[in-house]
Amino acid sequence: MTITWRNLAADDADQWVELRAAAEAVDKTGEHAGADEFAEVMSDPGLGAIGGFDGERLVAAGVAWFKAGHTEVNGVPLEGHVHPAHRRRGIGRNLLDRMAGVAEQWHAAHCPDLRLEPRSTSHEANVGHAALLRAAGYVPVRWFFDMSVELSGPILDPPIPPGLTAEGYSPAIDDELRRAHNECFAEHWGSIPADPVYWRRHVTGNPSFAADRALILRDDVTGEIAAYVLGYGSAAQDSGTGRRELWVGQVGTRKGWRGRGTATAMLAAVLRQSRDAGYEVVALAVDSGNSTGALGVYERCGFAVTGRWTTYALIR
C-alpha cells in the first residue's frame, strides 16, 4: 500500500470529518470534530495541516500548531489521527515524523535561535498513541484533566465580589480582552502571548466561539478587565454525545483578584446561565500542575474528572 502525502485543502473537509469520527469511535477520547473544527484549522495558512491518502481516500491527517512569541523553547503541538482500518502499518509513525518535520521547517524559518520541542498529547484511553510516542523518543512532560459538570444538579450561587461589574462580550473589547488573557496566563506552562491575528483566528474568531456564553468581570475602580470566561459550542460534539455541551476554553483572573472567590462566582454564573439557555453539560480541561488553584475552583463548582491526557515532548 502506498500512501500519498500532501497539504490538506478546503475540499478535504468531508473526508477529514469522517476520519475523525472513525478514529473517535475506537479511541474514545470524548472529542468529536466537525466542519467548524476543520474550518478553524484551514483558517490559518501558517499551520502545517497534512494528510495521507490511500488512493483518493484520506486515511491519516495531522496538524502542527504554530504560534509566534516563544522566548526560550518553541513548543509546537502536534495533533494527528489515523483511520483504525489503516493502523499497525507504520502510517502513524510516518505521520508523526512528517509533522515534526513541518515543525522543524517552520522553526528554522521563524525562530532558529530557540530550542524546538515538538509535543503531542495522548488520551489515557489511546494506549497505542502513547506507545507510538514513546517509541519515537517522546517523553511525558505534563498531565491534564478533562472535567465536566451536569447542569441538572444543584449549582452554586455565590455573589460576585464587591468592586466588580459583570458584562458580556462585544467585539469592541476584543483586543482589551486579548491583552488581559495574555497577562492572566503569563506564568502558565506552555503559554505564550496571543497576538491579534492568532486571537482572532483561534479564540474569539473561532467558528465555535459562543459569544453569548462569555462573561467578563470589570474592576469598578480601574476599569480594567479583572476576570473572564469564554465558552464554545460544537455541533459535532453535541451530535457525538447526544446532549448540548458548552466547552469552557478560557478562564482567567488577574492576580489582584485571585483568592477572593472571583473565579468561583464567575464560573458558577456561567453554569447557571448556560443551564437557563438549554445546555445540559459544561466541560473544560485543566493543567494538573496549574499553580493558580484552578482545579479547586472547578471542583467547588461541581466539576469532576472525566479523562486524563499526557503531553509528550521530543527533547533534544
Protein backbone atom coordinates (compact mmCIF):
# COMPACT_ATOMS: atom_id res chain seq x y z
CA MET A 1 0.00 0.00 0.00
CA THR A 2 1.35 3.40 -1.00
CA ILE A 3 0.33 6.49 0.95
CA THR A 4 0.44 9.83 -0.84
CA TRP A 5 1.09 12.84 1.39
CA ARG A 6 0.09 16.44 0.72
CA ASN A 7 -1.18 19.55 2.48
CA LEU A 8 -4.86 19.46 3.36
CA ALA A 9 -7.19 21.67 1.32
CA ALA A 10 -10.65 23.10 1.87
CA ASP A 11 -12.33 20.38 -0.19
CA ASP A 12 -10.92 17.71 2.16
CA ALA A 13 -13.43 18.76 4.82
CA ASP A 14 -15.87 15.86 4.48
CA GLN A 15 -13.13 13.24 4.49
CA TRP A 16 -11.42 14.91 7.46
CA VAL A 17 -14.66 14.82 9.46
CA GLU A 18 -15.20 11.17 8.53
CA LEU A 19 -11.64 10.29 9.54
CA ARG A 20 -12.01 12.00 12.92
CA ALA A 21 -15.31 10.20 13.55
CA ALA A 22 -13.82 6.81 12.70
CA ALA A 23 -10.85 7.44 15.00
CA GLU A 24 -13.04 8.63 17.86
CA ALA A 25 -15.26 5.56 17.61
CA VAL A 26 -12.22 3.47 18.57
CA ASP A 27 -10.12 5.84 20.68
CA LYS A 28 -12.96 7.05 22.96
CA THR A 29 -11.32 10.35 23.86
CA GLY A 30 -14.62 12.17 24.20
CA GLU A 31 -13.71 14.65 21.46
CA HIS A 32 -15.88 14.96 18.36
CA ALA A 33 -14.84 17.17 15.45
CA GLY A 34 -16.85 18.55 12.57
CA ALA A 35 -16.97 21.26 9.96
CA ASP A 36 -16.32 24.09 12.43
CA GLU A 37 -13.19 22.42 13.74
CA PHE A 38 -11.88 21.87 10.22
CA ALA A 39 -12.69 25.48 9.37
CA GLU A 40 -10.54 26.62 12.29
CA VAL A 41 -7.61 24.55 11.01
CA MET A 42 -7.98 25.88 7.49
CA SER A 43 -8.40 29.49 8.64
CA ASP A 44 -4.71 29.69 9.50
CA PRO A 45 -2.40 29.36 6.48
CA GLY A 46 0.55 29.19 8.85
CA LEU A 47 -0.49 25.86 10.33
CA GLY A 48 1.06 22.70 8.94
CA ALA A 49 -2.01 20.61 8.06
CA ILE A 50 -1.09 17.44 6.17
CA GLY A 51 -2.99 14.39 5.00
CA GLY A 52 -2.09 10.88 3.93
CA PHE A 53 -4.17 9.36 1.13
CA ASP A 54 -4.66 5.75 0.09
CA GLY A 55 -5.68 6.48 -3.47
CA GLU A 56 -8.34 9.18 -3.09
CA ARG A 57 -9.22 8.25 0.48
CA LEU A 58 -7.90 10.29 3.42
CA VAL A 59 -6.59 7.76 5.95
CA ALA A 60 -4.33 9.96 8.10
CA ALA A 61 -4.27 13.65 8.99
CA GLY A 62 -2.21 15.84 11.25
CA VAL A 63 -1.69 19.45 12.25
CA ALA A 64 1.38 21.22 13.63
CA TRP A 65 0.04 24.16 15.65
CA PHE A 66 2.44 27.07 15.28
CA LYS A 67 2.31 30.16 17.47
CA ALA A 68 4.71 33.06 17.41
CA GLY A 69 6.08 34.62 20.57
CA HIS A 70 8.14 31.91 22.27
CA THR A 71 11.17 33.22 24.11
CA GLU A 72 13.12 30.10 25.18
CA VAL A 73 11.55 26.87 23.96
CA ASN A 74 9.46 26.68 20.79
CA GLY A 75 6.87 24.12 21.84
CA VAL A 76 4.90 23.01 18.78
CA PRO A 77 1.81 20.87 19.50
CA LEU A 78 1.33 18.04 17.01
CA GLU A 79 -2.14 16.52 16.61
CA GLY A 80 -2.73 13.51 14.38
CA HIS A 81 -5.22 10.76 13.59
CA VAL A 82 -5.02 7.54 11.58
CA HIS A 83 -8.08 5.64 10.39
CA PRO A 84 -8.45 2.47 12.53
CA ALA A 85 -8.52 0.26 9.42
CA HIS A 86 -5.06 1.57 8.44
CA ARG A 87 -3.28 1.27 11.77
CA ARG A 88 -0.38 -1.03 12.61
CA ARG A 89 1.19 -0.34 9.21
CA GLY A 90 3.66 2.37 10.15
CA ILE A 91 1.39 5.19 8.96
CA GLY A 92 1.12 6.75 12.40
CA ARG A 93 4.88 6.95 12.82
CA ASN A 94 5.21 8.34 9.30
CA LEU A 95 2.61 10.98 10.13
CA LEU A 96 4.31 11.89 13.41
CA ASP A 97 7.69 12.26 11.73
CA ARG A 98 6.21 14.35 8.93
CA MET A 99 4.51 16.68 11.40
CA ALA A 100 7.77 17.03 13.32
CA GLY A 101 9.49 17.78 10.01
CA VAL A 102 6.99 20.52 9.24
CA ALA A 103 7.62 21.93 12.72
CA GLU A 104 11.35 21.92 12.05
CA GLN A 105 10.91 23.85 8.81
CA TRP A 106 8.72 26.47 10.48
CA HIS A 107 11.12 26.69 13.40
CA ALA A 108 14.14 27.22 11.13
CA ALA A 109 12.33 29.99 9.28
CA HIS A 110 10.91 31.87 12.28
CA CYS A 111 12.86 31.20 15.49
CA PRO A 112 16.07 29.23 14.80
CA ASP A 113 17.80 30.61 17.91
CA LEU A 114 15.34 28.85 20.23
CA ARG A 115 15.18 25.17 21.12
CA LEU A 116 12.50 23.27 19.21
CA GLU A 117 10.30 20.93 21.23
CA PRO A 118 7.63 19.05 19.26
CA ARG A 119 4.80 17.95 21.59
CA SER A 120 1.90 15.56 21.29
CA THR A 121 -0.86 14.93 23.82
CA SER A 122 -2.27 11.42 24.30
CA HIS A 123 -5.57 10.44 25.93
CA GLU A 124 -5.40 7.72 28.58
CA ALA A 125 -7.73 5.51 26.52
CA ASN A 126 -5.48 5.61 23.46
CA VAL A 127 -2.63 3.37 24.60
CA GLY A 128 -1.45 2.90 21.02
CA HIS A 129 -0.80 6.62 20.66
CA ALA A 130 1.25 6.70 23.86
CA ALA A 131 3.26 3.66 22.74
CA LEU A 132 3.93 5.30 19.37
CA LEU A 133 5.22 8.46 21.04
CA ARG A 134 7.49 6.59 23.41
CA ALA A 135 8.90 4.51 20.56
CA ALA A 136 9.70 7.74 18.69
CA GLY A 137 11.65 9.11 21.65
CA TYR A 138 8.99 11.38 23.13
CA VAL A 139 8.83 11.58 26.92
CA PRO A 140 5.96 12.64 29.23
CA VAL A 141 6.28 16.23 30.45
CA ARG A 142 2.80 17.37 31.57
CA TRP A 143 -0.58 15.99 32.59
CA PHE A 144 -4.07 17.40 32.04
CA PHE A 145 -7.59 16.54 33.20
CA ASP A 146 -10.86 16.74 31.32
CA MET A 147 -13.61 17.83 33.69
CA SER A 148 -17.36 18.28 33.34
CA VAL A 149 -20.44 19.11 35.36
CA GLU A 150 -24.04 18.08 34.72
CA LEU A 151 -26.35 21.09 34.82
CA SER A 152 -29.30 19.03 36.04
CA GLY A 153 -27.88 19.08 39.57
CA PRO A 154 -27.52 21.91 42.08
CA ILE A 155 -25.33 24.86 41.06
CA LEU A 156 -23.54 27.21 43.42
CA ASP A 157 -24.83 30.78 43.61
CA PRO A 158 -22.06 32.83 45.23
CA PRO A 159 -22.21 36.61 44.82
CA ILE A 160 -19.83 38.43 42.50
CA PRO A 161 -17.21 40.02 44.80
CA PRO A 162 -17.82 43.70 45.60
CA GLY A 163 -15.97 46.04 43.29
CA LEU A 164 -16.66 44.05 40.14
CA THR A 165 -19.30 44.51 37.47
CA ALA A 166 -20.32 41.77 35.05
CA GLU A 167 -20.72 42.34 31.33
CA GLY A 168 -20.95 40.29 28.17
CA TYR A 169 -18.59 40.02 25.25
CA SER A 170 -18.58 42.51 22.40
CA PRO A 171 -16.14 42.99 19.52
CA ALA A 172 -15.36 46.44 20.92
CA ILE A 173 -13.45 44.92 23.85
CA ASP A 174 -11.78 42.15 21.86
CA ASP A 175 -8.21 43.44 21.96
CA GLU A 176 -8.55 44.53 25.57
CA LEU A 177 -9.69 41.01 26.39
CA ARG A 178 -6.73 39.54 24.49
CA ARG A 179 -4.29 41.62 26.49
CA ALA A 180 -5.98 40.64 29.77
CA HIS A 181 -5.76 36.99 28.76
CA ASN A 182 -2.05 37.29 27.99
CA GLU A 183 -1.45 38.77 31.44
CA CYS A 184 -3.53 36.11 33.22
CA PHE A 185 -1.68 33.25 31.52
CA ALA A 186 1.81 34.75 31.52
CA GLU A 187 3.10 32.21 34.06
CA HIS A 188 1.25 29.13 32.81
CA TRP A 189 3.25 26.22 31.40
CA GLY A 190 3.45 26.30 27.63
CA SER A 191 1.55 29.56 27.34
CA ILE A 192 2.82 32.41 25.19
CA PRO A 193 1.12 35.73 24.40
CA ALA A 194 -1.55 35.53 21.72
CA ASP A 195 -1.01 38.11 19.00
CA PRO A 196 -4.06 39.78 17.43
CA VAL A 197 -4.06 37.52 14.36
CA TYR A 198 -3.86 34.28 16.34
CA TRP A 199 -6.51 35.55 18.78
CA ARG A 200 -8.96 36.34 16.02
CA ARG A 201 -8.42 33.02 14.24
CA HIS A 202 -8.44 30.64 17.18
CA VAL A 203 -10.12 32.35 20.14
CA THR A 204 -12.87 34.92 19.55
CA GLY A 205 -12.77 34.31 15.79
CA ASN A 206 -13.01 30.56 16.23
CA PRO A 207 -16.10 29.26 14.38
CA SER A 208 -17.16 27.52 17.62
CA PHE A 209 -16.88 30.63 19.81
CA ALA A 210 -20.17 31.24 21.64
CA ALA A 211 -20.08 34.99 22.26
CA ASP A 212 -23.30 34.84 24.24
CA ARG A 213 -21.70 32.39 26.67
CA ALA A 214 -18.81 34.70 27.57
CA LEU A 215 -18.73 36.56 30.87
CA ILE A 216 -16.37 39.41 31.72
CA LEU A 217 -15.89 40.97 35.16
CA ARG A 218 -14.60 44.54 35.19
CA ASP A 219 -12.84 46.29 38.08
CA ASP A 220 -15.03 49.24 39.14
CA VAL A 221 -12.04 51.30 40.26
CA THR A 222 -9.51 50.78 37.48
CA GLY A 223 -11.96 49.98 34.69
CA GLU A 224 -9.77 47.04 33.69
CA ILE A 225 -10.97 43.54 32.89
CA ALA A 226 -10.39 41.60 36.10
CA ALA A 227 -11.60 38.15 35.05
CA TYR A 228 -13.34 36.39 32.17
CA VAL A 229 -14.79 33.11 30.93
CA LEU A 230 -15.05 32.25 27.23
CA GLY A 231 -17.32 29.44 26.03
CA TYR A 232 -17.54 27.39 22.84
CA GLY A 233 -20.24 25.24 21.30
CA SER A 234 -19.68 22.45 18.79
CA ALA A 235 -22.43 20.90 16.70
CA ALA A 236 -20.21 17.84 16.20
CA GLN A 237 -19.66 17.46 19.93
CA ASP A 238 -23.39 17.74 20.64
CA SER A 239 -24.16 15.19 17.95
CA GLY A 240 -21.48 12.83 19.16
CA THR A 241 -22.52 12.93 22.81
CA GLY A 242 -26.26 13.27 22.28
CA ARG A 243 -26.55 16.32 24.51
CA ARG A 244 -25.90 20.03 24.36
CA GLU A 245 -22.46 20.84 25.75
CA LEU A 246 -20.65 24.09 26.44
CA TRP A 247 -16.87 23.92 26.35
CA VAL A 248 -15.11 26.46 28.56
CA GLY A 249 -12.00 27.28 26.61
CA GLN A 250 -10.51 30.06 28.71
CA VAL A 251 -10.90 31.07 32.36
CA GLY A 252 -8.67 33.88 33.57
CA THR A 253 -8.36 36.05 36.67
CA ARG A 254 -5.86 38.84 37.13
CA LYS A 255 -3.54 38.38 40.12
CA GLY A 256 -5.07 41.15 42.18
CA TRP A 257 -8.45 39.42 42.17
CA ARG A 258 -7.28 35.87 42.86
CA GLY A 259 -8.07 34.22 46.18
CA ARG A 260 -11.21 36.33 46.64
CA GLY A 261 -13.84 34.00 45.20
CA THR A 262 -13.80 35.76 41.85
CA ALA A 263 -13.32 32.73 39.61
CA THR A 264 -15.79 30.59 41.57
CA ALA A 265 -18.53 33.23 41.39
CA MET A 266 -17.88 33.93 37.72
CA LEU A 267 -17.85 30.28 36.67
CA ALA A 268 -20.95 29.49 38.74
CA ALA A 269 -22.74 32.34 36.97
CA VAL A 270 -21.77 30.86 33.60
CA LEU A 271 -23.13 27.47 34.69
CA ARG A 272 -26.46 28.95 35.74
CA GLN A 273 -26.76 31.00 32.57
CA SER A 274 -25.86 28.00 30.41
CA ARG A 275 -28.47 25.84 32.12
CA ASP A 276 -31.07 28.53 31.51
CA ALA A 277 -30.00 28.66 27.85
CA GLY A 278 -30.64 24.93 27.41
CA TYR A 279 -27.18 23.44 27.85
CA GLU A 280 -27.00 20.09 29.65
CA VAL A 281 -23.32 19.86 30.49
CA VAL A 282 -20.31 22.17 30.75
CA ALA A 283 -16.82 20.80 30.21
CA LEU A 284 -13.25 22.08 30.31
CA ALA A 285 -9.63 20.97 30.58
CA VAL A 286 -7.16 21.87 33.32
CA ASP A 287 -3.42 21.52 33.71
CA SER A 288 -2.81 19.26 36.71
CA GLY A 289 0.22 21.40 37.57
CA ASN A 290 -1.69 24.68 37.48
CA SER A 291 -0.41 26.84 40.34
CA THR A 292 -3.37 29.25 40.48
CA GLY A 293 -5.74 26.84 42.26
CA ALA A 294 -7.91 26.35 39.19
CA LEU A 295 -8.54 22.67 39.94
CA GLY A 296 -10.01 23.54 43.34
CA VAL A 297 -12.24 26.21 41.80
CA TYR A 298 -13.63 23.74 39.28
CA GLU A 299 -14.23 21.10 41.95
CA ARG A 300 -16.10 23.61 44.13
CA CYS A 301 -18.33 24.36 41.16
CA GLY A 302 -19.18 20.66 40.79
CA PHE A 303 -16.77 19.65 38.02
CA ALA A 304 -15.42 16.11 38.16
CA VAL A 305 -12.58 14.48 36.24
CA THR A 306 -13.77 12.54 33.19
CA GLY A 307 -10.50 11.86 31.39
CA ARG A 308 -6.74 12.27 31.60
CA TRP A 309 -4.22 13.36 28.99
CA THR A 310 -0.43 13.21 28.93
CA THR A 311 1.67 15.61 26.90
CA TYR A 312 4.82 14.03 25.45
CA ALA A 313 7.74 16.05 24.12
CA LEU A 314 10.68 15.28 21.88
CA ILE A 315 13.50 16.85 23.86
CA ARG A 316 16.77 17.23 22.01
